[in-house]
Amino acid sequence: MKIHEYYRETANINLNGSIASLIPTILIVVGNLSFINNREIMLLTIPFLIYSLISFQLYLFRMKQSIAISRKMTKSKSFHQSFFEASHLLVLNMNTHSSKLLLYFPNGHLAGMIKRYRGMGLNNLRLSKVYALYNSYGNAIGFFVIKHRKVIRVEVYDQRRKYLGMLRKRNQGFRKSKKELFDEERRYVGAVEGSAVFMDEQVVNNSNRHLGRLRRGWMPLEWSPLFPEPNTPVLSFRENLSEEDKLLRMSLLINEFVIER
């Protein structure tokens, strides 16, 4: 799914919402005319009609964006890049019946996605929520297991189900929490620090050196022709991180988009 296909899909979601909101409107009108004949009951259709109109306008807006982006992508040069080679990924949330996170390269091509995993091969699946990271070919290249006990843990596994470490989150009062990263030997390797008000999560190592960042409201201007939403979250990592290190630190996406939101 290229970025213009994402906007086309979100347009279709708005169109479905517009059509669905007309169903209660029709039922109210038909029921009133057939049995009740009360003009005041017709006022009940107003909220549904307003929602349908707004959703349809959003459908037209997203379709216009999709068409414009598609034209720009045909003019731009495409290049192949593996998922873990990217130093910047743009994160978009697809709210459907099976919600998923879509990760894009700055050139508008799909890098991968994170969605609920219901397969076999990991322990305690019945007691935990499992999410898988897929590359653009649909192959699972990482797994995140959410466990709720006294503290919240996000355990991270590679594509061979090898345990890489975990993110541990402990609440420290109202809207305050401590998020720490541990390797496979349960040694402290860093933390995730950020704001409780807006999205700006920074990944630091045990020497307090910044290794990655997830923030909203910061996007290079040259990406805007393909990503028209300026508040699109951007995930950035230092290029010298290994695949295992990036995968462990990507657990912040699970915390940010699955646990907290």
C-alpha atoms as a PDB file:
ATOM      1  CA  MET A   1       0.000   0.000   0.000  1.00  0.00           C
ATOM      2  CA  LYS A   2       1.611   3.214  -1.178  1.00  0.00           C
ATOM      3  CA  ILE A   3       0.812   6.445   0.595  1.00  0.00           C
ATOM      4  CA  HIS A   4      -1.801   7.524  -1.986  1.00  0.00           C
ATOM      5  CA  GLU A   5      -3.539   4.173  -1.462  1.00  0.00           C
ATOM      6  CA  TYR A   6      -3.646   4.883   2.273  1.00  0.00           C
ATOM      7  CA  TYR A   7      -5.487   8.160   1.657  1.00  0.00           C
ATOM      8  CA  ARG A   8      -7.834   6.415  -0.773  1.00  0.00           C
ATOM      9  CA  GLU A   9      -8.575   3.782   1.876  1.00  0.00           C
ATOM     10  CA  THR A  10      -9.287   6.419   4.517  1.00  0.00           C
ATOM     11  CA  ALA A  11     -11.555   8.139   1.977  1.00  0.00           C
ATOM     12  CA  ASN A  12     -13.516   4.917   1.542  1.00  0.00           C
ATOM     13  CA  ILE A  13     -13.851   4.602   5.327  1.00  0.00           C
ATOM     14  CA  ASN A  14     -15.405   8.086   5.428  1.00  0.00           C
ATOM     15  CA  LEU A  15     -17.706   7.187   2.549  1.00  0.00           C
ATOM     16  CA  ASN A  16     -18.872   4.055   4.365  1.00  0.00           C
ATOM     17  CA  GLY A  17     -19.547   6.146   7.454  1.00  0.00           C
ATOM     18  CA  SER A  18     -21.556   8.615   5.383  1.00  0.00           C
ATOM     19  CA  ILE A  19     -23.693   5.852   3.886  1.00  0.00           C
ATOM     20  CA  ALA A  20     -24.124   4.051   7.225  1.00  0.00           C
ATOM     21  CA  SER A  21     -25.434   7.205   8.921  1.00  0.00           C
ATOM     22  CA  LEU A  22     -28.197   7.422   6.313  1.00  0.00           C
ATOM     23  CA  ILE A  23     -29.667   4.090   7.425  1.00  0.00           C
ATOM     24  CA  PRO A  24     -31.150   5.362  10.729  1.00  0.00           C
ATOM     25  CA  THR A  25     -32.302   8.480   8.869  1.00  0.00           C
ATOM     26  CA  ILE A  26     -34.279   6.351   6.397  1.00  0.00           C
ATOM     27  CA  LEU A  27     -35.705   4.186   9.203  1.00  0.00           C
ATOM     28  CA  ILE A  28     -36.892   7.250  11.126  1.00  0.00           C
ATOM     29  CA  VAL A  29     -38.497   8.826   8.050  1.00  0.00           C
ATOM     30  CA  VAL A  30     -40.198   5.612   6.880  1.00  0.00           C
ATOM     31  CA  GLY A  31     -41.350   4.686  10.389  1.00  0.00           C
ATOM     32  CA  ASN A  32     -42.716   8.157  11.048  1.00  0.00           C
ATOM     33  CA  LEU A  33     -44.583   8.430   7.751  1.00  0.00           C
ATOM     34  CA  SER A  34     -45.986   4.908   8.035  1.00  0.00           C
ATOM     35  CA  PHE A  35     -47.076   4.776  11.680  1.00  0.00           C
ATOM     36  CA  ILE A  36     -46.577   7.947  13.741  1.00  0.00           C
ATOM     37  CA  ASN A  37     -46.956  11.020  11.497  1.00  0.00           C
ATOM     38  CA  ASN A  38     -45.286  13.397  13.941  1.00  0.00           C
ATOM     39  CA  ARG A  39     -43.280  16.227  12.406  1.00  0.00           C
ATOM     40  CA  GLU A  40     -41.167  16.714  15.501  1.00  0.00           C
ATOM     41  CA  ILE A  41     -39.757  13.205  15.219  1.00  0.00           C
ATOM     42  CA  MET A  42     -38.164  14.280  11.952  1.00  0.00           C
ATOM     43  CA  LEU A  43     -35.787  16.414  14.028  1.00  0.00           C
ATOM     44  CA  LEU A  44     -34.099  13.188  15.100  1.00  0.00           C
ATOM     45  CA  THR A  45     -32.728  12.812  11.576  1.00  0.00           C
ATOM     46  CA  ILE A  46     -30.700  16.051  11.776  1.00  0.00           C
ATOM     47  CA  PRO A  47     -27.637  14.663  13.657  1.00  0.00           C
ATOM     48  CA  PHE A  48     -27.407  11.716  11.264  1.00  0.00           C
ATOM     49  CA  LEU A  49     -27.721  13.965   8.217  1.00  0.00           C
ATOM     50  CA  ILE A  50     -25.034  16.320   9.526  1.00  0.00           C
ATOM     51  CA  TYR A  51     -22.663  13.422  10.236  1.00  0.00           C
ATOM     52  CA  SER A  52     -23.337  11.968   6.772  1.00  0.00           C
ATOM     53  CA  LEU A  53     -22.619  15.322   5.106  1.00  0.00           C
ATOM     54  CA  ILE A  54     -19.381  15.842   7.044  1.00  0.00           C
ATOM     55  CA  SER A  55     -18.198  12.293   6.300  1.00  0.00           C
ATOM     56  CA  PHE A  56     -18.946  12.743   2.615  1.00  0.00           C
ATOM     57  CA  GLN A  57     -16.978  15.991   2.511  1.00  0.00           C
ATOM     58  CA  LEU A  58     -14.052  14.195   4.189  1.00  0.00           C
ATOM     59  CA  TYR A  59     -14.372  11.466   1.557  1.00  0.00           C
ATOM     60  CA  LEU A  60     -14.060  14.021  -1.238  1.00  0.00           C
ATOM     61  CA  PHE A  61     -11.125  15.723   0.513  1.00  0.00           C
ATOM     62  CA  ARG A  62      -9.203  12.464   1.034  1.00  0.00           C
ATOM     63  CA  MET A  63      -9.863  11.340  -2.536  1.00  0.00           C
ATOM     64  CA  LYS A  64      -8.507  14.643  -3.817  1.00  0.00           C
ATOM     65  CA  GLN A  65      -5.394  14.145  -1.694  1.00  0.00           C
ATOM     66  CA  SER A  66      -4.996  10.586  -2.968  1.00  0.00           C
ATOM     67  CA  ILE A  67      -5.205  11.629  -6.626  1.00  0.00           C
ATOM     68  CA  ALA A  68      -2.739  14.498  -6.157  1.00  0.00           C
ATOM     69  CA  ILE A  69      -0.236  12.287  -4.298  1.00  0.00           C
ATOM     70  CA  SER A  70      -0.554   9.540  -6.913  1.00  0.00           C
ATOM     71  CA  ARG A  71       0.415  11.978  -9.660  1.00  0.00           C
ATOM     72  CA  LYS A  72       3.438  13.164  -7.669  1.00  0.00           C
ATOM     73  CA  MET A  73       4.596   9.609  -6.982  1.00  0.00           C
ATOM     74  CA  THR A  74       4.584   8.705 -10.676  1.00  0.00           C
ATOM     75  CA  LYS A  75       6.974  11.608 -11.298  1.00  0.00           C
ATOM     76  CA  SER A  76       9.339  10.749  -8.431  1.00  0.00           C
ATOM     77  CA  LYS A  77      12.071   8.136  -8.568  1.00  0.00           C
ATOM     78  CA  SER A  78      11.468   4.984  -6.561  1.00  0.00           C
ATOM     79  CA  PHE A  79      14.230   2.993  -4.914  1.00  0.00           C
ATOM     80  CA  HIS A  80      14.311  -0.188  -2.897  1.00  0.00           C
ATOM     81  CA  GLN A  81      15.279   0.022   0.750  1.00  0.00           C
ATOM     82  CA  SER A  82      15.092  -2.618   3.433  1.00  0.00           C
ATOM     83  CA  PHE A  83      13.087  -1.865   6.544  1.00  0.00           C
ATOM     84  CA  PHE A  84      15.983  -1.658   9.001  1.00  0.00           C
ATOM     85  CA  GLU A  85      18.123   0.496   6.667  1.00  0.00           C
ATOM     86  CA  ALA A  86      15.763   3.442   7.043  1.00  0.00           C
ATOM     87  CA  SER A  87      16.724   6.176   9.487  1.00  0.00           C
ATOM     88  CA  HIS A  88      13.302   7.854   9.204  1.00  0.00           C
ATOM     89  CA  LEU A  89       9.851   6.274   9.072  1.00  0.00           C
ATOM     90  CA  LEU A  90       6.472   8.023   9.007  1.00  0.00           C
ATOM     91  CA  VAL A  91       3.779   6.454  11.173  1.00  0.00           C
ATOM     92  CA  LEU A  92       0.110   6.445  10.163  1.00  0.00           C
ATOM     93  CA  ASN A  93      -2.735   4.774  12.022  1.00  0.00           C
ATOM     94  CA  MET A  94      -5.346   2.902   9.987  1.00  0.00           C
ATOM     95  CA  ASN A  95      -8.555   2.773  12.041  1.00  0.00           C
ATOM     96  CA  THR A  96     -10.544  -0.121  10.607  1.00  0.00           C
ATOM     97  CA  HIS A  97     -12.142  -3.181  12.208  1.00  0.00           C
ATOM     98  CA  SER A  98      -8.567  -4.484  12.637  1.00  0.00           C
ATOM     99  CA  SER A  99      -6.567  -1.403  13.548  1.00  0.00           C
ATOM    100  CA  LYS A 100      -2.952  -1.301  12.387  1.00  0.00           C
ATOM    101  CA  LEU A 101       0.029   1.021  12.208  1.00  0.00           C
ATOM    102  CA  LEU A 102       1.453   1.688   8.759  1.00  0.00           C
ATOM    103  CA  LEU A 103       5.119   2.669   8.473  1.00  0.00           C
ATOM    104  CA  TYR A 104       6.255   4.540   5.362  1.00  0.00           C
ATOM    105  CA  PHE A 105       9.560   5.525   3.834  1.00  0.00           C
ATOM    106  CA  PRO A 106       9.792   9.255   3.055  1.00  0.00           C
ATOM    107  CA  ASN A 107       9.405   8.381  -0.656  1.00  0.00           C
ATOM    108  CA  GLY A 108       5.809   7.275  -0.014  1.00  0.00           C
ATOM    109  CA  HIS A 109       6.369   3.526  -0.294  1.00  0.00           C
ATOM    110  CA  LEU A 110       5.222   1.189   2.448  1.00  0.00           C
ATOM    111  CA  ALA A 111       8.051   0.059   4.728  1.00  0.00           C
ATOM    112  CA  GLY A 112       6.011  -2.179   6.996  1.00  0.00           C
ATOM    113  CA  MET A 113       3.102  -2.427   9.373  1.00  0.00           C
ATOM    114  CA  ILE A 114       2.283  -3.427  12.927  1.00  0.00           C
ATOM    115  CA  LYS A 115      -0.935  -5.281  13.630  1.00  0.00           C
ATOM    116  CA  ARG A 116      -2.436  -7.866  15.981  1.00  0.00           C
ATOM    117  CA  TYR A 117      -0.900 -11.324  15.655  1.00  0.00           C
ATOM    118  CA  ARG A 118      -3.000 -14.422  16.240  1.00  0.00           C
ATOM    119  CA  GLY A 119      -0.618 -17.123  15.050  1.00  0.00           C
ATOM    120  CA  MET A 120       1.385 -19.672  16.987  1.00  0.00           C
ATOM    121  CA  GLY A 121       4.996 -19.859  18.084  1.00  0.00           C
ATOM    122  CA  LEU A 122       5.118 -17.620  21.174  1.00  0.00           C
ATOM    123  CA  ASN A 123       4.497 -18.589  24.775  1.00  0.00           C
ATOM    124  CA  ASN A 124       1.505 -17.426  26.830  1.00  0.00           C
ATOM    125  CA  LEU A 125      -0.484 -16.226  23.839  1.00  0.00           C
ATOM    126  CA  ARG A 126      -3.722 -16.797  25.695  1.00  0.00           C
ATOM    127  CA  LEU A 127      -2.640 -14.494  28.511  1.00  0.00           C
ATOM    128  CA  SER A 128      -1.132 -11.707  26.414  1.00  0.00           C
ATOM    129  CA  LYS A 129      -1.746  -9.476  23.446  1.00  0.00           C
ATOM    130  CA  VAL A 130       0.715 -10.073  20.632  1.00  0.00           C
ATOM    131  CA  TYR A 131       1.507  -7.657  17.811  1.00  0.00           C
ATOM    132  CA  ALA A 132       3.710  -8.433  14.838  1.00  0.00           C
ATOM    133  CA  LEU A 133       5.879  -6.169  12.722  1.00  0.00           C
ATOM    134  CA  TYR A 134       5.648  -7.026   9.012  1.00  0.00           C
ATOM    135  CA  ASN A 135       7.857  -5.767   6.204  1.00  0.00           C
ATOM    136  CA  SER A 136       6.490  -4.562   2.869  1.00  0.00           C
ATOM    137  CA  TYR A 137       6.380  -8.151   1.571  1.00  0.00           C
ATOM    138  CA  GLY A 138       4.099  -9.279   4.391  1.00  0.00           C
ATOM    139  CA  ASN A 139       6.764 -11.242   6.261  1.00  0.00           C
ATOM    140  CA  ALA A 140       6.792 -11.028  10.059  1.00  0.00           C
ATOM    141  CA  ILE A 141      10.153  -9.617  11.152  1.00  0.00           C
ATOM    142  CA  GLY A 142       9.419  -8.942  14.819  1.00  0.00           C
ATOM    143  CA  PHE A 143       6.935  -9.568  17.609  1.00  0.00           C
ATOM    144  CA  PHE A 144       5.766  -7.526  20.596  1.00  0.00           C
ATOM    145  CA  VAL A 145       4.043  -9.243  23.517  1.00  0.00           C
ATOM    146  CA  ILE A 146       2.126  -7.015  25.946  1.00  0.00           C
ATOM    147  CA  LYS A 147       1.882  -8.335  29.505  1.00  0.00           C
ATOM    148  CA  HIS A 148      -0.090  -6.627  32.275  1.00  0.00           C
ATOM    149  CA  ARG A 149       0.881  -7.511  35.812  1.00  0.00           C
ATOM    150  CA  LYS A 150       2.036  -5.133  38.535  1.00  0.00           C
ATOM    151  CA  VAL A 151       3.835  -3.258  35.759  1.00  0.00           C
ATOM    152  CA  ILE A 152       3.285  -3.199  32.014  1.00  0.00           C
ATOM    153  CA  ARG A 153       5.864  -5.036  29.946  1.00  0.00           C
ATOM    154  CA  VAL A 154       6.340  -5.152  26.185  1.00  0.00           C
ATOM    155  CA  GLU A 155       8.515  -8.154  25.382  1.00  0.00           C
ATOM    156  CA  VAL A 156      10.299  -8.055  22.015  1.00  0.00           C
ATOM    157  CA  TYR A 157      11.185 -11.038  19.795  1.00  0.00           C
ATOM    158  CA  ASP A 158      12.855 -11.230  16.400  1.00  0.00           C
ATOM    159  CA  GLN A 159      11.478 -13.113  13.403  1.00  0.00           C
ATOM    160  CA  ARG A 160      12.924 -16.403  14.741  1.00  0.00           C
ATOM    161  CA  ARG A 161      11.079 -15.859  18.050  1.00  0.00           C
ATOM    162  CA  LYS A 162      14.344 -15.123  19.837  1.00  0.00           C
ATOM    163  CA  TYR A 163      13.843 -12.953  22.910  1.00  0.00           C
ATOM    164  CA  LEU A 164      15.606  -9.577  22.534  1.00  0.00           C
ATOM    165  CA  GLY A 165      14.512  -7.732  25.654  1.00  0.00           C
ATOM    166  CA  MET A 166      11.618  -5.645  26.863  1.00  0.00           C
ATOM    167  CA  LEU A 167      10.215  -2.216  27.602  1.00  0.00           C
ATOM    168  CA  ARG A 168       8.982  -1.932  31.182  1.00  0.00           C
ATOM    169  CA  LYS A 169       6.522   0.801  32.097  1.00  0.00           C
ATOM    170  CA  ARG A 170       5.799   1.776  35.695  1.00  0.00           C
ATOM    171  CA  ASN A 171       3.253   4.419  36.653  1.00  0.00           C
ATOM    172  CA  GLN A 172       4.538   7.135  38.982  1.00  0.00           C
ATOM    173  CA  GLY A 173       1.454   9.188  39.634  1.00  0.00           C
ATOM    174  CA  PHE A 174      -1.012  11.155  37.542  1.00  0.00           C
ATOM    175  CA  ARG A 175       0.063  11.130  33.872  1.00  0.00           C
ATOM    176  CA  LYS A 176       3.604  10.181  34.893  1.00  0.00           C
ATOM    177  CA  SER A 177       5.380   6.946  34.086  1.00  0.00           C
ATOM    178  CA  LYS A 178       8.884   5.530  33.865  1.00  0.00           C
ATOM    179  CA  LYS A 179       9.710   3.569  30.709  1.00  0.00           C
ATOM    180  CA  GLU A 180      12.920   1.522  30.813  1.00  0.00           C
ATOM    181  CA  LEU A 181      14.547  -0.787  28.268  1.00  0.00           C
ATOM    182  CA  PHE A 182      16.240  -4.081  29.160  1.00  0.00           C
ATOM    183  CA  ASP A 183      18.148  -6.533  26.963  1.00  0.00           C
ATOM    184  CA  GLU A 184      17.722 -10.322  26.815  1.00  0.00           C
ATOM    185  CA  GLU A 185      19.836 -10.693  29.959  1.00  0.00           C
ATOM    186  CA  ARG A 186      17.549  -8.248  31.820  1.00  0.00           C
ATOM    187  CA  ARG A 187      20.295  -5.632  31.899  1.00  0.00           C
ATOM    188  CA  TYR A 188      19.269  -1.984  31.770  1.00  0.00           C
ATOM    189  CA  VAL A 189      20.175  -0.519  28.351  1.00  0.00           C
ATOM    190  CA  GLY A 190      18.231   2.730  28.242  1.00  0.00           C
ATOM    191  CA  ALA A 191      14.891   4.457  28.591  1.00  0.00           C
ATOM    192  CA  VAL A 192      12.130   6.254  26.729  1.00  0.00           C
ATOM    193  CA  GLU A 193      11.648   9.842  27.852  1.00  0.00           C
ATOM    194  CA  GLY A 194       8.936  12.167  26.653  1.00  0.00           C
ATOM    195  CA  SER A 195       6.150  14.606  27.315  1.00  0.00           C
ATOM    196  CA  ALA A 196       2.807  13.651  28.815  1.00  0.00           C
ATOM    197  CA  VAL A 197       1.073  16.398  26.818  1.00  0.00           C
ATOM    198  CA  PHE A 198       2.292  16.043  23.224  1.00  0.00           C
ATOM    199  CA  MET A 199       4.051  13.319  21.264  1.00  0.00           C
ATOM    200  CA  ASP A 200       7.806  13.684  21.579  1.00  0.00           C
ATOM    201  CA  GLU A 201       9.338  10.418  22.794  1.00  0.00           C
ATOM    202  CA  GLN A 202      13.121  10.175  22.905  1.00  0.00           C
ATOM    203  CA  VAL A 203      15.062   6.923  23.183  1.00  0.00           C
ATOM    204  CA  VAL A 204      18.272   7.193  25.203  1.00  0.00           C
ATOM    205  CA  ASN A 205      20.875   4.581  26.143  1.00  0.00           C
ATOM    206  CA  ASN A 206      22.353   3.970  29.587  1.00  0.00           C
ATOM    207  CA  SER A 207      24.835   6.798  28.925  1.00  0.00           C
ATOM    208  CA  ASN A 208      21.925   9.186  28.251  1.00  0.00           C
ATOM    209  CA  ARG A 209      22.856   9.401  24.567  1.00  0.00           C
ATOM    210  CA  HIS A 210      19.953   9.898  22.174  1.00  0.00           C
ATOM    211  CA  LEU A 211      19.456   6.959  19.812  1.00  0.00           C
ATOM    212  CA  GLY A 212      15.976   7.572  18.450  1.00  0.00           C
ATOM    213  CA  ARG A 213      12.928   9.774  18.547  1.00  0.00           C
ATOM    214  CA  LEU A 214       9.211   9.688  17.846  1.00  0.00           C
ATOM    215  CA  ARG A 215       7.585  13.070  17.496  1.00  0.00           C
ATOM    216  CA  ARG A 216       4.583  14.743  15.971  1.00  0.00           C
ATOM    217  CA  GLY A 217       4.601  18.195  14.397  1.00  0.00           C
ATOM    218  CA  TRP A 218       8.104  17.922  12.953  1.00  0.00           C
ATOM    219  CA  MET A 219       8.412  16.877   9.352  1.00  0.00           C
ATOM    220  CA  PRO A 220      10.835  18.122   6.668  1.00  0.00           C
ATOM    221  CA  LEU A 221       9.123  20.388   4.173  1.00  0.00           C
ATOM    222  CA  GLU A 222      10.321  18.287   1.244  1.00  0.00           C
ATOM    223  CA  TRP A 223       8.168  15.375   2.422  1.00  0.00           C
ATOM    224  CA  SER A 224       4.930  17.378   2.420  1.00  0.00           C
ATOM    225  CA  PRO A 225       4.015  16.721  -1.261  1.00  0.00           C
ATOM    226  CA  LEU A 226       3.538  13.029  -0.387  1.00  0.00           C
ATOM    227  CA  PHE A 227       2.522  13.487   3.263  1.00  0.00           C
ATOM    228  CA  PRO A 228       0.185  16.503   3.358  1.00  0.00           C
ATOM    229  CA  GLU A 229      -0.587  16.146   7.079  1.00  0.00           C
ATOM    230  CA  PRO A 230       2.111  18.181   8.908  1.00  0.00           C
ATOM    231  CA  ASN A 231       1.369  16.360  12.178  1.00  0.00           C
ATOM    232  CA  THR A 232       2.265  12.946  10.777  1.00  0.00           C
ATOM    233  CA  PRO A 233       4.454  11.259  13.449  1.00  0.00           C
ATOM    234  CA  VAL A 234       8.064  10.635  12.422  1.00  0.00           C
ATOM    235  CA  LEU A 235      10.161   7.825  13.902  1.00  0.00           C
ATOM    236  CA  SER A 236      13.920   8.410  13.642  1.00  0.00           C
ATOM    237  CA  PHE A 237      16.875   6.199  14.593  1.00  0.00           C
ATOM    238  CA  ARG A 238      20.621   6.564  14.473  1.00  0.00           C
ATOM    239  CA  GLU A 239      21.984   4.680  11.460  1.00  0.00           C
ATOM    240  CA  ASN A 240      24.573   2.685  13.432  1.00  0.00           C
ATOM    241  CA  LEU A 241      21.961   0.728  15.409  1.00  0.00           C
ATOM    242  CA  SER A 242      21.698  -2.992  14.694  1.00  0.00           C
ATOM    243  CA  GLU A 243      18.432  -4.605  13.594  1.00  0.00           C
ATOM    244  CA  GLU A 244      17.974  -6.101  17.064  1.00  0.00           C
ATOM    245  CA  ASP A 245      18.563  -2.743  18.750  1.00  0.00           C
ATOM    246  CA  LYS A 246      16.069  -0.983  16.474  1.00  0.00           C
ATOM    247  CA  LEU A 247      13.488  -3.704  17.008  1.00  0.00           C
ATOM    248  CA  LEU A 248      13.813  -3.459  20.788  1.00  0.00           C
ATOM    249  CA  ARG A 249      13.457   0.307  20.722  1.00  0.00           C
ATOM    250  CA  MET A 250      10.469   0.145  18.392  1.00  0.00           C
ATOM    251  CA  SER A 251       8.540  -1.157  21.396  1.00  0.00           C
ATOM    252  CA  LEU A 252       7.866   2.540  22.088  1.00  0.00           C
ATOM    253  CA  LEU A 253       5.384   2.426  19.173  1.00  0.00           C
ATOM    254  CA  ILE A 254       3.407  -0.271  20.986  1.00  0.00           C
ATOM    255  CA  ASN A 255       3.377   1.808  24.139  1.00  0.00           C
ATOM    256  CA  GLU A 256       2.442   5.021  22.316  1.00  0.00           C
ATOM    257  CA  PHE A 257      -0.247   3.762  19.924  1.00  0.00           C
ATOM    258  CA  VAL A 258      -1.557   0.585  21.581  1.00  0.00           C
ATOM    259  CA  ILE A 259      -1.187   0.993  25.347  1.00  0.00           C
ATOM    260  CA  GLU A 260      -1.521   4.753  25.857  1.00  0.00           C
ATOM    261  CA  ARG A 261      -3.885   5.628  22.985  1.00  0.00           C
END
